[in-house]
Amino acid sequence: MRQLYNSLGLAAVLALLIAFFGFQSEYFLTWGNFVAVANQIPDALLIAIGMTFVLIIGEIDLSVGAVLALCGAVLGVAMVDWGLPFFVAVPITLAVGAACGLANGLITVRWQLPSFIVTLGMMEVARGAAYMVTDSTTIYIGRPVDWLMGVTVADLSVLFFGALVVAFLAQGFLSMTIWGRGLLALGSNTEAARLSGISTSRLKVLVFVGSGVCAALASIVLCARLSSADPNMGMGYELYAIAAVVVGGTSLLGGRGSVVNTVFGVLTIAILGTGLVQIDVEDPVKRIVTGTVVVVAVIVDYYRGRMTKQ
């Protein structure tokens, strides 16, 4: 019931934002504007889904943006240089993302290191590898990948619906499976979860693998939107994902979170960014406003956590 109230609260905040910007700009409340927003968020949403699970278990993944770039680079090289068809290059791309996540998880678990440090290192490794794979140049892929953006329903890209399906399945996994409840228990109290028979190490590794796969999926989406693979793409996505997940109410301390609320968080950040641009707010002010929203969300999460414990 508490999760339902949180979702309704986030929906209300989103509605207020839409109403405010609709009042401020005559172009905001148009179908074309909403289509533009929806078609631009699938990659960010996929990254945020993976980040939701990582934060739920009380960890963090700073490498997702760089892993996205590396996976995109591999996709570009596989399709352009190796001449592989799209549906052959995609599994290779997903395997690279899974391998990066596996490395993050195994190192974190094996040596009991803070995931902040481990994934910070992976961020540099993956970004450097992306530059090496692409020879520091943008690889133009074109029609073999951007056809995905051309498949639409009511002008909405099929990638948008695909990201929503992933979010739906992820929420179902979290809410309706033993593994999902195990993740929540792991984030709440690792030792208690271990004593109850949960394989905490295995779960942590699997969550990081999932985060890597989500980054790989996001790279495919972004390459489709850009028609190319750029070693610089994905810059700052880790911060965007953390911001969206926190705005969605997932606790930075672990043990509490919802993929549905993460969807609301992504939409809130996207609507906020688009609305500020349309009312001619300068980029420095836009950054200040967005950062303030994130800080307020963290403060709200702090008091929500205290009320839960009482």
Protein backbone atom coordinates (compact mmCIF):
# COMPACT_ATOMS: atom_id res chain seq x y z
CA MET A 1 0.00 0.00 0.00
CA ARG A 2 2.86 2.38 0.82
CA GLN A 3 4.35 1.77 -2.62
CA LEU A 4 1.00 2.63 -4.22
CA TYR A 5 0.89 5.91 -2.31
CA ASN A 6 4.44 6.70 -3.43
CA SER A 7 3.51 6.02 -7.06
CA LEU A 8 0.43 8.22 -6.80
CA GLY A 9 2.52 10.97 -5.23
CA LEU A 10 5.07 10.82 -8.04
CA ALA A 11 2.28 10.83 -10.62
CA ALA A 12 0.83 13.94 -8.96
CA VAL A 13 4.21 15.70 -9.03
CA LEU A 14 4.60 14.80 -12.71
CA ALA A 15 1.11 16.13 -13.46
CA LEU A 16 1.90 19.40 -11.67
CA LEU A 17 5.11 19.79 -13.67
CA ILE A 18 3.24 19.21 -16.93
CA ALA A 19 0.55 21.73 -15.92
CA PHE A 20 3.15 24.33 -14.91
CA PHE A 21 5.17 24.11 -18.11
CA GLY A 22 1.98 23.92 -20.16
CA PHE A 23 0.96 27.24 -18.64
CA GLN A 24 4.39 28.76 -19.28
CA SER A 25 4.83 27.57 -22.88
CA GLU A 26 2.22 27.27 -25.61
CA TYR A 27 4.23 24.51 -27.29
CA PHE A 28 4.60 22.23 -24.27
CA LEU A 29 1.13 20.65 -24.20
CA THR A 30 1.35 19.30 -27.74
CA TRP A 31 1.42 15.73 -28.97
CA GLY A 32 4.62 16.41 -30.89
CA ASN A 33 6.40 17.53 -27.72
CA PHE A 34 5.32 14.46 -25.74
CA VAL A 35 6.35 12.20 -28.62
CA ALA A 36 9.78 13.85 -28.66
CA VAL A 37 10.20 13.31 -24.92
CA ALA A 38 9.01 9.70 -25.08
CA ASN A 39 11.31 8.82 -27.98
CA GLN A 40 14.34 10.26 -26.19
CA ILE A 41 14.04 8.40 -22.87
CA PRO A 42 14.27 4.64 -23.67
CA ASP A 43 18.06 4.50 -23.25
CA ALA A 44 17.97 6.49 -20.00
CA LEU A 45 15.09 4.34 -18.73
CA LEU A 46 16.96 1.09 -19.43
CA ILE A 47 20.05 2.37 -17.59
CA ALA A 48 17.86 3.50 -14.67
CA ILE A 49 16.17 0.09 -14.43
CA GLY A 50 19.53 -1.59 -13.94
CA MET A 51 20.57 1.10 -11.46
CA THR A 52 17.37 0.55 -9.45
CA PHE A 53 18.37 -3.03 -8.68
CA VAL A 54 21.93 -2.00 -7.82
CA LEU A 55 20.74 0.64 -5.35
CA ILE A 56 18.17 -1.73 -3.85
CA ILE A 57 20.99 -4.06 -2.72
CA GLY A 58 22.84 -1.09 -1.23
CA GLU A 59 25.50 -0.82 -3.95
CA ILE A 60 26.19 1.66 -6.78
CA ASP A 61 27.33 1.37 -10.39
CA LEU A 62 29.23 4.34 -11.78
CA SER A 63 30.36 2.49 -14.90
CA VAL A 64 27.05 2.29 -16.78
CA GLY A 65 27.69 5.28 -19.05
CA ALA A 66 31.13 4.03 -20.08
CA VAL A 67 29.88 0.45 -20.49
CA LEU A 68 27.15 1.85 -22.75
CA ALA A 69 29.84 3.52 -24.87
CA LEU A 70 31.92 0.33 -25.07
CA CYS A 71 28.91 -1.78 -26.03
CA GLY A 72 27.93 0.75 -28.67
CA ALA A 73 31.48 0.70 -30.02
CA VAL A 74 31.40 -3.10 -30.25
CA LEU A 75 28.03 -2.94 -32.02
CA GLY A 76 29.40 -0.44 -34.53
CA VAL A 77 32.58 -2.40 -35.24
CA ALA A 78 30.68 -5.69 -35.49
CA MET A 79 28.23 -4.30 -38.03
CA VAL A 80 30.50 -1.99 -40.04
CA ASP A 81 33.99 -3.50 -39.87
CA TRP A 82 33.07 -7.17 -39.48
CA GLY A 83 30.00 -6.97 -41.70
CA LEU A 84 27.76 -8.82 -39.24
CA PRO A 85 23.97 -8.41 -39.51
CA PHE A 86 22.13 -6.59 -36.74
CA PHE A 87 20.64 -9.69 -35.11
CA VAL A 88 24.07 -11.30 -34.89
CA ALA A 89 25.83 -8.18 -33.57
CA VAL A 90 23.23 -7.65 -30.82
CA PRO A 91 24.07 -10.82 -28.81
CA ILE A 92 27.76 -9.90 -28.96
CA THR A 93 26.92 -6.43 -27.64
CA LEU A 94 24.83 -7.88 -24.81
CA ALA A 95 27.65 -10.29 -23.94
CA VAL A 96 30.10 -7.40 -23.60
CA GLY A 97 27.74 -5.58 -21.23
CA ALA A 98 27.21 -8.74 -19.19
CA ALA A 99 30.99 -9.30 -18.99
CA CYS A 100 31.55 -5.79 -17.65
CA GLY A 101 28.83 -6.29 -15.05
CA LEU A 102 30.25 -9.70 -14.15
CA ALA A 103 33.67 -8.15 -13.55
CA ASN A 104 32.14 -5.47 -11.34
CA GLY A 105 30.21 -8.02 -9.32
CA LEU A 106 32.97 -10.58 -8.90
CA ILE A 107 35.59 -8.03 -7.83
CA THR A 108 33.17 -6.36 -5.41
CA VAL A 109 32.17 -9.68 -3.83
CA ARG A 110 35.50 -11.55 -3.95
CA TRP A 111 37.57 -8.86 -2.26
CA GLN A 112 34.73 -7.16 -0.35
CA LEU A 113 35.52 -3.83 -1.98
CA PRO A 114 33.20 -0.81 -2.13
CA SER A 115 31.30 -0.95 -5.41
CA PHE A 116 31.86 2.80 -5.70
CA ILE A 117 35.59 2.22 -6.20
CA VAL A 118 35.24 -0.90 -8.33
CA THR A 119 32.76 0.64 -10.77
CA LEU A 120 34.73 3.89 -10.85
CA GLY A 121 37.68 1.86 -12.09
CA MET A 122 35.47 0.03 -14.61
CA MET A 123 34.22 3.41 -15.83
CA GLU A 124 37.76 4.34 -16.87
CA VAL A 125 38.53 0.89 -18.28
CA ALA A 126 35.35 0.75 -20.38
CA ARG A 127 35.71 4.31 -21.65
CA GLY A 128 39.31 3.68 -22.63
CA ALA A 129 38.32 0.43 -24.33
CA ALA A 130 35.60 2.28 -26.27
CA TYR A 131 38.21 4.70 -27.62
CA MET A 132 40.50 1.81 -28.56
CA VAL A 133 37.76 -0.18 -30.31
CA THR A 134 36.62 2.81 -32.37
CA ASP A 135 40.11 4.29 -32.83
CA SER A 136 38.67 7.42 -31.16
CA THR A 137 36.34 8.09 -34.09
CA THR A 138 32.59 7.94 -34.62
CA ILE A 139 31.44 4.86 -36.53
CA TYR A 140 28.50 5.63 -38.82
CA ILE A 141 26.18 2.62 -38.98
CA GLY A 142 23.16 4.13 -40.71
CA ARG A 143 20.17 2.16 -41.96
CA PRO A 144 21.21 -1.24 -40.51
CA VAL A 145 20.48 0.12 -37.04
CA ASP A 146 18.42 3.32 -37.32
CA TRP A 147 15.50 1.41 -38.83
CA LEU A 148 14.51 0.74 -35.22
CA MET A 149 13.58 4.40 -34.78
CA GLY A 150 11.41 4.20 -37.87
CA VAL A 151 9.13 1.54 -36.40
CA THR A 152 6.46 3.56 -34.63
CA VAL A 153 2.97 3.32 -33.18
CA ALA A 154 1.12 6.67 -33.13
CA ASP A 155 4.52 8.31 -33.77
CA LEU A 156 5.94 6.66 -30.63
CA SER A 157 9.03 4.57 -31.30
CA VAL A 158 8.81 0.83 -30.71
CA LEU A 159 11.92 1.32 -28.56
CA PHE A 160 9.84 3.35 -26.11
CA PHE A 161 7.35 0.51 -25.77
CA GLY A 162 10.20 -1.98 -25.54
CA ALA A 163 11.73 -0.08 -22.62
CA LEU A 164 8.32 -0.05 -20.88
CA VAL A 165 8.05 -3.82 -21.36
CA VAL A 166 11.49 -4.27 -19.76
CA ALA A 167 10.36 -2.06 -16.86
CA PHE A 168 7.17 -4.13 -16.47
CA LEU A 169 9.08 -7.40 -16.43
CA ALA A 170 11.67 -5.99 -14.00
CA GLN A 171 8.93 -4.85 -11.60
CA GLY A 172 7.29 -8.25 -11.82
CA PHE A 173 10.59 -9.92 -11.01
CA LEU A 174 11.12 -7.62 -8.03
CA SER A 175 7.60 -7.92 -6.63
CA MET A 176 6.51 -11.44 -7.49
CA THR A 177 9.55 -13.71 -7.25
CA ILE A 178 11.58 -15.13 -4.41
CA TRP A 179 14.73 -13.69 -5.98
CA GLY A 180 13.21 -10.23 -6.03
CA ARG A 181 12.23 -10.39 -2.38
CA GLY A 182 15.72 -11.69 -1.69
CA LEU A 183 17.17 -8.53 -3.23
CA LEU A 184 15.09 -6.35 -0.92
CA ALA A 185 16.16 -8.44 2.06
CA LEU A 186 19.80 -8.22 0.96
CA GLY A 187 19.61 -4.44 0.79
CA SER A 188 17.92 -4.17 4.16
CA ASN A 189 20.33 -6.38 6.11
CA THR A 190 23.02 -8.40 4.34
CA GLU A 191 23.91 -10.56 7.33
CA ALA A 192 20.31 -11.38 8.15
CA ALA A 193 19.71 -12.28 4.51
CA ARG A 194 22.73 -14.60 4.53
CA LEU A 195 21.62 -16.31 7.73
CA SER A 196 18.17 -16.86 6.24
CA GLY A 197 19.71 -18.94 3.46
CA ILE A 198 19.94 -16.33 0.70
CA SER A 199 23.06 -16.58 -1.49
CA THR A 200 24.00 -12.94 -1.06
CA SER A 201 27.20 -13.10 -3.10
CA ARG A 202 25.48 -14.71 -6.08
CA LEU A 203 22.64 -12.19 -5.97
CA LYS A 204 25.04 -9.26 -5.92
CA VAL A 205 26.95 -10.59 -8.92
CA LEU A 206 23.71 -11.20 -10.84
CA VAL A 207 22.50 -7.67 -10.12
CA PHE A 208 25.71 -6.17 -11.52
CA VAL A 209 25.44 -8.44 -14.58
CA GLY A 210 21.88 -7.18 -15.05
CA SER A 211 23.09 -3.60 -14.84
CA GLY A 212 25.67 -4.32 -17.53
CA VAL A 213 23.04 -5.92 -19.79
CA CYS A 214 20.76 -2.90 -19.31
CA ALA A 215 23.67 -0.65 -20.35
CA ALA A 216 24.17 -2.81 -23.45
CA LEU A 217 20.47 -2.57 -24.34
CA ALA A 218 20.67 1.20 -23.88
CA SER A 219 23.66 1.33 -26.24
CA ILE A 220 21.63 -0.36 -28.98
CA VAL A 221 18.82 2.16 -28.48
CA LEU A 222 21.21 5.11 -28.53
CA CYS A 223 23.04 3.86 -31.62
CA ALA A 224 19.67 3.52 -33.34
CA ARG A 225 18.77 7.10 -32.44
CA LEU A 226 22.15 8.53 -33.49
CA SER A 227 22.62 6.16 -36.47
CA SER A 228 26.18 5.73 -35.23
CA ALA A 229 28.45 4.59 -32.43
CA ASP A 230 30.42 7.32 -30.67
CA PRO A 231 33.03 6.54 -27.97
CA ASN A 232 31.90 9.70 -26.15
CA MET A 233 28.26 8.67 -25.86
CA GLY A 234 26.84 7.87 -22.45
CA MET A 235 28.73 10.68 -20.72
CA GLY A 236 26.95 11.51 -17.47
CA TYR A 237 24.37 8.74 -17.83
CA GLU A 238 25.37 7.26 -14.48
CA LEU A 239 24.46 10.52 -12.73
CA TYR A 240 21.22 10.83 -14.69
CA ALA A 241 20.26 7.28 -13.76
CA ILE A 242 21.04 7.75 -10.06
CA ALA A 243 19.08 11.02 -10.05
CA ALA A 244 16.04 9.42 -11.70
CA VAL A 245 16.11 6.39 -9.40
CA VAL A 246 16.43 8.54 -6.28
CA VAL A 247 13.63 10.86 -7.44
CA GLY A 248 11.59 7.67 -7.90
CA GLY A 249 12.02 6.90 -4.20
CA THR A 250 14.58 4.09 -4.23
CA SER A 251 16.70 4.34 -1.11
CA LEU A 252 20.41 5.04 -1.48
CA LEU A 253 20.92 2.87 1.60
CA GLY A 254 19.26 -0.16 0.00
CA GLY A 255 16.32 -2.33 0.93
CA ARG A 256 13.62 -0.26 -0.72
CA GLY A 257 12.79 0.54 -4.32
CA SER A 258 10.38 0.20 -7.21
CA VAL A 259 10.93 0.01 -10.96
CA VAL A 260 7.53 1.60 -11.57
CA ASN A 261 8.56 4.59 -9.49
CA THR A 262 11.85 4.71 -11.39
CA VAL A 263 9.82 5.14 -14.59
CA PHE A 264 8.12 8.12 -12.94
CA GLY A 265 11.55 9.40 -11.90
CA VAL A 266 12.89 9.21 -15.45
CA LEU A 267 9.78 10.94 -16.80
CA THR A 268 10.06 13.65 -14.14
CA ILE A 269 13.69 14.42 -14.99
CA ALA A 270 12.90 14.36 -18.73
CA ILE A 271 9.83 16.62 -18.41
CA LEU A 272 11.74 18.99 -16.14
CA GLY A 273 14.63 19.25 -18.61
CA THR A 274 12.38 19.74 -21.63
CA GLY A 275 10.16 22.25 -19.87
CA LEU A 276 13.09 24.37 -18.68
CA VAL A 277 14.47 24.48 -22.22
CA GLN A 278 11.11 25.57 -23.64
CA ILE A 279 10.79 28.47 -21.20
CA ASP A 280 14.30 29.61 -22.18
CA VAL A 281 16.05 28.77 -18.93
CA GLU A 282 19.82 28.86 -19.43
CA ASP A 283 21.79 25.64 -19.03
CA PRO A 284 23.56 26.66 -15.76
CA VAL A 285 20.19 27.43 -14.16
CA LYS A 286 18.77 24.19 -15.55
CA ARG A 287 21.57 22.25 -13.86
CA ILE A 288 20.95 24.06 -10.56
CA VAL A 289 17.23 23.28 -10.66
CA THR A 290 17.77 19.62 -11.54
CA GLY A 291 20.41 19.22 -8.85
CA THR A 292 18.14 20.84 -6.28
CA VAL A 293 15.35 18.42 -7.16
CA VAL A 294 17.69 15.48 -6.59
CA VAL A 295 18.86 16.82 -3.22
CA VAL A 296 15.27 17.40 -2.12
CA ALA A 297 14.42 13.84 -3.17
CA VAL A 298 17.28 12.50 -1.02
CA ILE A 299 16.09 14.55 1.97
CA VAL A 300 12.54 13.25 1.49
CA ASP A 301 13.94 9.71 1.30
CA TYR A 302 15.79 10.29 4.58
CA TYR A 303 12.63 11.30 6.43
CA ARG A 304 10.63 8.55 4.75
CA GLY A 305 13.17 6.04 6.04
CA ARG A 306 12.91 7.42 9.57
CA MET A 307 9.11 7.25 9.51
CA THR A 308 9.28 3.64 8.31
CA LYS A 309 11.49 2.66 11.25
CA GLN A 310 9.21 4.25 13.81
